PDB file of N, CA and C in Angstrom:
ATOM      1  N   MET A   1       0.859  -1.392  -0.124  1.00  0.00           N
ATOM      2  CA  MET A   1       0.021  -0.192   0.204  1.00  0.00           C
ATOM      3  C   MET A   1       1.058   1.563   0.094  1.00  0.00           C
ATOM      4  N   LEU A   2       0.011   2.266  -0.797  1.00  0.00           N
ATOM      5  CA  LEU A   2       1.216   3.563  -1.009  1.00  0.00           C
ATOM      6  C   LEU A   2       0.922   4.660   0.411  1.00  0.00           C
ATOM      7  N   THR A   3       1.282   5.138   0.635  1.00  0.00           N
ATOM      8  CA  THR A   3       1.231   6.220   1.501  1.00  0.00           C
ATOM      9  C   THR A   3       0.597   7.338   0.480  1.00  0.00           C
ATOM     10  N   LYS A   4      -0.099   8.643   0.760  1.00  0.00           N
ATOM     11  CA  LYS A   4      -0.899   9.442   0.110  1.00  0.00           C
ATOM     12  C   LYS A   4       0.525  10.290  -0.687  1.00  0.00           C
ATOM     13  N   ASP A   5       1.196  10.712   0.081  1.00  0.00           N
ATOM     14  CA  ASP A   5       2.801  10.997  -0.818  1.00  0.00           C
ATOM     15  C   ASP A   5       3.339  10.256  -1.623  1.00  0.00           C
ATOM     16  N   GLU A   6       3.106   9.519  -2.017  1.00  0.00           N
ATOM     17  CA  GLU A   6       4.165   8.289  -2.917  1.00  0.00           C
ATOM     18  C   GLU A   6       2.846   8.144  -3.716  1.00  0.00           C
ATOM     19  N   PHE A   7       1.447   8.136  -3.507  1.00  0.00           N
ATOM     20  CA  PHE A   7       0.155   7.945  -4.656  1.00  0.00           C
ATOM     21  C   PHE A   7       0.817   9.028  -5.539  1.00  0.00           C
ATOM     22  N   LYS A   8       0.679   9.874  -4.175  1.00  0.00           N
ATOM     23  CA  LYS A   8       0.484  11.605  -5.758  1.00  0.00           C
ATOM     24  C   LYS A   8       1.975  11.580  -6.514  1.00  0.00           C
ATOM     25  N   THR A   9       3.174  10.934  -5.755  1.00  0.00           N
ATOM     26  CA  THR A   9       3.949  11.136  -6.340  1.00  0.00           C
ATOM     27  C   THR A   9       3.934   9.992  -8.030  1.00  0.00           C
ATOM     28  N   THR A  10       3.586   8.912  -7.830  1.00  0.00           N
ATOM     29  CA  THR A  10       3.390   7.839  -8.659  1.00  0.00           C
ATOM     30  C   THR A  10       2.119   8.618  -9.648  1.00  0.00           C
ATOM     31  N   VAL A  11       0.913   8.987  -9.203  1.00  0.00           N
ATOM     32  CA  VAL A  11       0.410   9.523 -10.093  1.00  0.00           C
ATOM     33  C   VAL A  11       1.107  10.577 -11.187  1.00  0.00           C
ATOM     34  N   ILE A  12       1.709  11.753 -10.479  1.00  0.00           N
ATOM     35  CA  ILE A  12       2.038  12.542 -11.176  1.00  0.00           C
ATOM     36  C   ILE A  12       2.925  12.449 -12.372  1.00  0.00           C
ATOM     37  N   ASN A  13       3.905  11.265 -11.741  1.00  0.00           N
ATOM     38  CA  ASN A  13       5.563  10.862 -12.303  1.00  0.00           C
ATOM     39  C   ASN A  13       5.235   9.595 -12.974  1.00  0.00           C
ATOM     40  N   GLY A  14       4.368   9.042 -12.612  1.00  0.00           N
ATOM     41  CA  GLY A  14       3.947   7.530 -13.672  1.00  0.00           C
ATOM     42  C   GLY A  14       4.979   6.539 -13.291  1.00  0.00           C
ATOM     43  N   ARG A  15       5.014   5.792 -14.001  1.00  0.00           N
ATOM     44  CA  ARG A  15       5.649   4.506 -13.551  1.00  0.00           C
ATOM     45  C   ARG A  15       5.894   3.569 -15.141  1.00  0.00           C
ATOM     46  N   LEU A  16       6.514   4.210 -15.456  1.00  0.00           N
ATOM     47  CA  LEU A  16       6.852   3.616 -17.256  1.00  0.00           C
ATOM     48  C   LEU A  16       7.697   2.898 -17.110  1.00  0.00           C
ATOM     49  N   GLU A  17       7.920   1.713 -16.404  1.00  0.00           N
ATOM     50  CA  GLU A  17       8.438   0.797 -16.211  1.00  0.00           C
ATOM     51  C   GLU A  17       7.660  -0.563 -16.348  1.00  0.00           C
ATOM     52  N   LYS A  18       6.363   0.016 -15.452  1.00  0.00           N
ATOM     53  CA  LYS A  18       5.088  -1.172 -15.351  1.00  0.00           C
ATOM     54  C   LYS A  18       4.311  -0.696 -16.088  1.00  0.00           C
ATOM     55  N   GLY A  19       4.497   0.377 -17.107  1.00  0.00           N
ATOM     56  CA  GLY A  19       3.408   0.747 -18.192  1.00  0.00           C
ATOM     57  C   GLY A  19       2.348   1.781 -17.790  1.00  0.00           C
ATOM     58  N   MET A  20       3.088   2.415 -16.324  1.00  0.00           N
ATOM     59  CA  MET A  20       1.711   3.752 -15.769  1.00  0.00           C
ATOM     60  C   MET A  20       2.722   4.466 -16.379  1.00  0.00           C
ATOM     61  N   VAL A  21       1.391   5.718 -17.119  1.00  0.00           N
ATOM     62  CA  VAL A  21       2.053   7.193 -17.783  1.00  0.00           C
ATOM     63  C   VAL A  21       1.618   7.830 -16.758  1.00  0.00           C
ATOM     64  N   SER A  22       2.399   9.086 -17.051  1.00  0.00           N
ATOM     65  CA  SER A  22       2.271  10.310 -15.866  1.00  0.00           C
ATOM     66  C   SER A  22       1.167  10.871 -16.221  1.00  0.00           C
ATOM     67  N   PHE A  23       0.411  11.780 -15.129  1.00  0.00           N
ATOM     68  CA  PHE A  23      -0.626  12.366 -15.137  1.00  0.00           C
ATOM     69  C   PHE A  23      -0.621  14.131 -14.801  1.00  0.00           C
ATOM     70  N   GLY A  24       1.025  13.725 -14.574  1.00  0.00           N
ATOM     71  CA  GLY A  24       1.080  15.417 -14.216  1.00  0.00           C
ATOM     72  C   GLY A  24       0.985  16.532 -14.925  1.00  0.00           C
ATOM     73  N   GLY A  25       0.512  16.625 -16.470  1.00  0.00           N
ATOM     74  CA  GLY A  25       0.198  17.677 -17.573  1.00  0.00           C
ATOM     75  C   GLY A  25      -1.349  17.323 -17.311  1.00  0.00           C
ATOM     76  N   SER A  26      -2.247  16.510 -16.431  1.00  0.00           N
ATOM     77  CA  SER A  26      -3.642  16.930 -16.449  1.00  0.00           C
ATOM     78  C   SER A  26      -4.045  17.592 -15.578  1.00  0.00           C
ATOM     79  N   PRO A  27      -4.238  18.788 -15.490  1.00  0.00           N
ATOM     80  CA  PRO A  27      -4.895  19.647 -14.614  1.00  0.00           C
ATOM     81  C   PRO A  27      -6.132  19.034 -13.760  1.00  0.00           C
ATOM     82  N   MET A  28      -6.889  17.784 -14.471  1.00  0.00           N
ATOM     83  CA  MET A  28      -8.475  17.659 -14.103  1.00  0.00           C
ATOM     84  C   MET A  28      -7.479  16.841 -13.033  1.00  0.00           C
ATOM     85  N   VAL A  29      -6.695  16.000 -12.950  1.00  0.00           N
ATOM     86  CA  VAL A  29      -6.017  15.079 -12.203  1.00  0.00           C
ATOM     87  C   VAL A  29      -5.370  15.387 -11.031  1.00  0.00           C
ATOM     88  N   VAL A  30      -4.695  16.277 -11.500  1.00  0.00           N
ATOM     89  CA  VAL A  30      -3.435  17.235 -10.441  1.00  0.00           C
ATOM     90  C   VAL A  30      -4.617  17.783  -9.414  1.00  0.00           C
ATOM     91  N   ASP A  31      -5.597  18.222 -10.434  1.00  0.00           N
ATOM     92  CA  ASP A  31      -6.653  19.548  -9.039  1.00  0.00           C
ATOM     93  C   ASP A  31      -7.060  18.464  -8.200  1.00  0.00           C
ATOM     94  N   ASN A  32      -7.044  17.486  -8.761  1.00  0.00           N
ATOM     95  CA  ASN A  32      -8.378  16.558  -7.849  1.00  0.00           C
ATOM     96  C   ASN A  32      -7.505  15.484  -7.114  1.00  0.00           C
ATOM     97  N   LEU A  33      -6.792  15.209  -6.615  1.00  0.00           N
ATOM     98  CA  LEU A  33      -5.516  13.850  -6.674  1.00  0.00           C
ATOM     99  C   LEU A  33      -5.612  13.940  -4.955  1.00  0.00           C
ATOM    100  N   ASP A  34      -6.232  14.333  -4.354  1.00  0.00           N
ATOM    101  CA  ASP A  34      -6.555  14.107  -2.721  1.00  0.00           C
ATOM    102  C   ASP A  34      -8.027  13.647  -2.752  1.00  0.00           C
ATOM    103  N   ASN A  35      -9.218  14.136  -3.707  1.00  0.00           N
ATOM    104  CA  ASN A  35     -10.131  13.401  -3.587  1.00  0.00           C
ATOM    105  C   ASN A  35     -10.010  11.860  -4.277  1.00  0.00           C
ATOM    106  N   LEU A  36      -9.469  11.750  -5.288  1.00  0.00           N
ATOM    107  CA  LEU A  36      -8.951  10.733  -5.820  1.00  0.00           C
ATOM    108  C   LEU A  36      -8.274   9.374  -4.676  1.00  0.00           C
ATOM    109  N   TYR A  37      -7.264   9.923  -3.890  1.00  0.00           N
ATOM    110  CA  TYR A  37      -6.785   9.284  -3.252  1.00  0.00           C
ATOM    111  C   TYR A  37      -7.744   8.933  -2.142  1.00  0.00           C
ATOM    112  N   ALA A  38      -8.671   9.981  -1.785  1.00  0.00           N
ATOM    113  CA  ALA A  38      -9.816   9.473  -0.313  1.00  0.00           C
ATOM    114  C   ALA A  38     -10.746   8.509  -1.388  1.00  0.00           C
ATOM    115  N   TYR A  39     -11.043   8.325  -2.634  1.00  0.00           N
ATOM    116  CA  TYR A  39     -11.864   7.259  -3.109  1.00  0.00           C
ATOM    117  C   TYR A  39     -11.167   6.347  -3.060  1.00  0.00           C
ATOM    118  N   LEU A  40     -10.102   5.743  -3.672  1.00  0.00           N
ATOM    119  CA  LEU A  40      -9.559   4.819  -4.164  1.00  0.00           C
ATOM    120  C   LEU A  40      -9.004   4.366  -2.444  1.00  0.00           C
ATOM    121  N   LYS A  41      -8.900   4.832  -1.484  1.00  0.00           N
ATOM    122  CA  LYS A  41      -8.003   4.502  -0.560  1.00  0.00           C
ATOM    123  C   LYS A  41     -10.051   3.448   0.732  1.00  0.00           C
ATOM    124  N   GLY A  42     -10.520   4.378   0.415  1.00  0.00           N
ATOM    125  CA  GLY A  42     -12.018   4.253   0.990  1.00  0.00           C
ATOM    126  C   GLY A  42     -12.610   2.812   0.081  1.00  0.00           C
ATOM    127  N   ARG A  43     -12.234   2.730  -0.907  1.00  0.00           N
ATOM    128  CA  ARG A  43     -12.458   1.799  -1.535  1.00  0.00           C
ATOM    129  C   ARG A  43     -11.192   0.318  -1.350  1.00  0.00           C
ATOM    130  N   SER A  44     -10.394   0.491  -1.228  1.00  0.00           N
ATOM    131  CA  SER A  44      -9.076  -0.296  -0.657  1.00  0.00           C
ATOM    132  C   SER A  44      -9.439  -0.545   0.926  1.00  0.00           C
ATOM    133  N   ASP A  45      -9.856   0.289   1.830  1.00  0.00           N
ATOM    134  CA  ASP A  45     -10.736  -0.165   3.005  1.00  0.00           C
ATOM    135  C   ASP A  45     -11.675  -0.440   3.587  1.00  0.00           C
ATOM    136  N   GLY A  46     -12.912  -0.290   1.740  1.00  0.00           N
ATOM    137  CA  GLY A  46     -14.140  -0.915   2.357  1.00  0.00           C
ATOM    138  C   GLY A  46     -14.588  -0.391   2.880  1.00  0.00           C
ATOM    139  N   ALA A  47     -14.357   1.381   3.337  1.00  0.00           N
ATOM    140  CA  ALA A  47     -15.258   1.958   3.812  1.00  0.00           C
ATOM    141  C   ALA A  47     -16.105   2.137   2.751  1.00  0.00           C
ATOM    142  N   ILE A  48     -15.860   2.077   1.710  1.00  0.00           N
ATOM    143  CA  ILE A  48     -16.541   2.826   0.091  1.00  0.00           C
ATOM    144  C   ILE A  48     -17.062   1.313  -0.217  1.00  0.00           C
ATOM    145  N   THR A  49     -18.153   0.410  -0.295  1.00  0.00           N
ATOM    146  CA  THR A  49     -18.282  -0.461  -1.195  1.00  0.00           C
ATOM    147  C   THR A  49     -19.069  -0.672  -2.414  1.00  0.00           C
ATOM    148  N   ARG A  50     -19.991   0.665  -2.078  1.00  0.00           N
ATOM    149  CA  ARG A  50     -20.608   0.880  -3.308  1.00  0.00           C
ATOM    150  C   ARG A  50     -20.328   2.132  -3.977  1.00  0.00           C
ATOM    151  N   SER A  51     -20.789   2.968  -5.297  1.00  0.00           N
ATOM    152  CA  SER A  51     -20.295   4.082  -5.693  1.00  0.00           C
ATOM    153  C   SER A  51     -20.674   4.510  -6.944  1.00  0.00           C
ATOM    154  N   LYS A  52     -21.621   5.249  -7.228  1.00  0.00           N
ATOM    155  CA  LYS A  52     -22.074   6.307  -7.770  1.00  0.00           C
ATOM    156  C   LYS A  52     -20.985   6.994  -8.724  1.00  0.00           C
ATOM    157  N   VAL A  53     -20.144   6.431  -9.703  1.00  0.00           N
ATOM    158  CA  VAL A  53     -19.177   7.611  -9.899  1.00  0.00           C
ATOM    159  C   VAL A  53     -19.834   8.673 -11.041  1.00  0.00           C
ATOM    160  N   GLU A  54     -19.388   9.710 -10.890  1.00  0.00           N
ATOM    161  CA  GLU A  54     -20.380  11.304 -12.006  1.00  0.00           C
ATOM    162  C   GLU A  54     -18.794  11.643 -12.664  1.00  0.00           C
ATOM    163  N   GLU A  55     -18.966  12.476 -13.923  1.00  0.00           N
ATOM    164  CA  GLU A  55     -17.879  13.171 -14.421  1.00  0.00           C
ATOM    165  C   GLU A  55     -18.295  14.064 -13.662  1.00  0.00           C
ATOM    166  N   LEU A  56     -16.588  14.821 -13.641  1.00  0.00           N
ATOM    167  CA  LEU A  56     -16.770  16.174 -13.004  1.00  0.00           C
ATOM    168  C   LEU A  56     -16.677  17.389 -13.641  1.00  0.00           C
ATOM    169  N   LYS A  57     -17.000  18.059 -13.488  1.00  0.00           N
ATOM    170  CA  LYS A  57     -17.932  19.716 -14.751  1.00  0.00           C
ATOM    171  C   LYS A  57     -17.000  20.629 -14.015  1.00  0.00           C
TER     172      LYS A  57
END
């Protein structure tokens, strides 16, 4: 499990050796990193079991 800082670094820089591209150039991703982390952490911990994901506008 990644820490929040490791998660942010991974999303921003990517992991090309593992096939994950960088999302550091995407303002929508960068501006919502905290929300993305919270959602994925909640899913991982079982705190969020069902969700209706909606597009950000």
